[in-house]
Amino acid sequence: MGIKLSSRNTKIILLVFVLVALVTASLFVFRLKTLNIMSNTSLQNISEIQAMYAQTLQTKFADQMSMLEAQARYFENIDLNNDEALKKTIVRTKGIGDFKKIGIVNKSGATTSTEGKNLSNIYNKPYFFDAIKSGKPQISNRIEVDENLDPILTLIYPIKQENSVKAAIKGTLSYDVLKNLFAVSLFSGESYMYIISADGNVILCNRDKKRNLYNINIYDLIKNAAKGESEYVSSKMRADILKSHSNFMTFSAKDSYKLFAYSPLGINNWYIISVIPYSYIVQKQAAIVFWVYVLLGVIAFTISMFIFLLYGLFKKNTSIEKDNERLTIANAQAQTLIFEYDVPRHQITFSGDTQFILGTEQKVYPIDFIRAEYYKRIHNDDKKVMTELKRTIENALSEFTGEFRYKNFTDNEYIWLRISGSLIDKEDGSGKKFIGTITNVNSQVLHEQELKSIAERDKLTGLLNKAAMEQHSRNILTGDNKQRSVLFIIDLDNFKKVNDTLGHLIGDMAIVDAGKKLSLIFSEKDFISRFGGDEFCILMRFSKNLSDEEISRIIIEKAQNLCIFLREDYFDEKTVISVSASVGIAFYPENGSNYEELFAAADSALYKVKESGKNGYRFFGKNE
């Protein structure tokens, strides 16, 4: 009998050993597979991020080069030896785009700034030589320093006359402008990127935000960082860059193992390089594996509970407690707070992590305490949501959902929360209770607002477009919080002549100039829009505390500033066209009870200005 028992035990031990070996092997394969998947996912993310940055930088440089091209067109019809005409035209280039400085360069490399000052001679600069020789725009492959010892990147566009290059226009971008385009933290701040020229010179790097890193050779950095692999990594990278290939490699650095990916930027034969410590991927993979182990443990635990369920009811209670624990963790991770408001007892009970909303772990509160201590943390514009919730409960409505901004306890900043729930009967029949959730939806709401803002903007000026302006105006003039308002309609005089005579590039420049000036004249609280063509519309709102005299003074000052600052001359070598502004003004509610009536009144006033010779302003109903 003893021999049989020993044989049975041996079989059980062998079976357990085989199962353990199979599970261990499976987990080992799983770790390798997940590490490979995460590596590929990281490379895919890098590829997408690099493509995004390439598009952003290509657009930025194309925009800046287009501005230089537009300016170069002016100089093609000007006698470059005529100092008077040259100075007059140079001044017009001041302040365009994001350029720190703009200058005219003759074929000897001598440079004259927009202030008439002589800048450093650039005759020996490769980009200048290439621009003069090829007749094509060029970008420098190195970061230079200007006369103030500030780092800059130079863009240059040749000026042609009689089919040959006679000079060039040069614009310099501040290194800080470039760095801001490249300032982002990737992969939890573990990754960093370089932009390099074809010869390996580092132009931009976001590795260290506190200092600038440029004009060092990437291959020297690899040599200093790699452990015995620098020659292979460098030669492989050089060969790929020569063939304009994208690639990735891994190599052992002095401080850690690195994942190294690079691809063409699409600008000036530059490359964008991303570096991720392999330890970051391993850490993320370890976290996934850990939770897989936890999941396997939970599954094993659940199976055990099912088996032992036959031995007693307490096992079922244990399973329920585990489910509640998982739900609590899920709600905490999603920052969702469950609450129950007992209407007859005027008491509210919370379930979950109350710290981020209430600043304490306390779960039960009198409703009067909540109103006194936490109601004030709701944004003033959103307190109406709580009024609607109160009306829902008082009128025994079944369901409620609303969103509001709330000053949280983590960083004392406003975040968007969504409150939703249902009013149901209490189990004992003693009245009603409202059961609901409060969820942090800040990221979702901000993303939706960003998409809405993009859709509302005029592409040329960045001002509100016509549809957005009409919608905002109707909401303001028909909403609950009506205020005294004034509508301006502005028409640029002689704009069509600018377009027809000087061309659409100058016409677009005139529209952009007007948009910038309007943004300076009016405040961020005012609604400024471009309706299309040369027509602009502005809606101003005024506090009830202001008197009629104060409002009139403000409006007259705005109207006068519009006529003064929107007056501008646009010209080429042969023609000068003066652009001015005609302004029609209407008051709400005196001149209209809604948007349509107010717009018609302002448009009528504008028509009177046009009839009387343009270049002025008029109030509806006055002097007509």
Foldseek 3Di string as FASTA:
>chain_A
DVVVVVVVVVVVVVVVVVVVVVVVVVLVVVLVVLLVVLVVVVVVVVVVVLLVLLVVVVVLVVVVVVLQVVLLVQCQPDDPVPPVVVLVSQLVSPPPDQFPWKWKAFQQQWTATNVRDTFDRCNVAPQSVCCQVVQAKGKHQFFDAGPVRFTWTKIKHFRDYPRHGGIIMMTIHGLVVVQVSQADAPLNNQKKKFKHALQQWTHAINNDPVDTDTRDGVLVVLVQFFDPCSVVVVVVVNVCLVVQHWDWDWTATPVAIKIKTKGASPPNSMMMIMIGGSVSSSVVSVVVSVVVVVVVVVVVLVVVLVVCVVVDVVSVVVVVVVVVVVVLVVCVVQVKKKKKQDVVQQKMFIDHDCCFQPVDPDGIDRNVCCCVPFLVQWPPVFSVLVVVVVVCVVVVPFKDKDKTWGQTPPPRGTFIKMKIWTWDADPVRPGIMTIIMIGGCRVVVVVVVVVVLVVQADPLARAGEPVNVQVVQQCALPDPDHFKKKKKKKAKPCLVVCCVPVHVVVSSVLQNQLSVLVPVLDDPVKHWYDHDRRMIMIMDGDDPPDDPVVVVVSVVVSQVSQLVRSWDWDDHPPDIDTIGMQMFMEIPPVQHSGDVSNVVQSVVQSVVCVVVPHSGYGYRPPPD
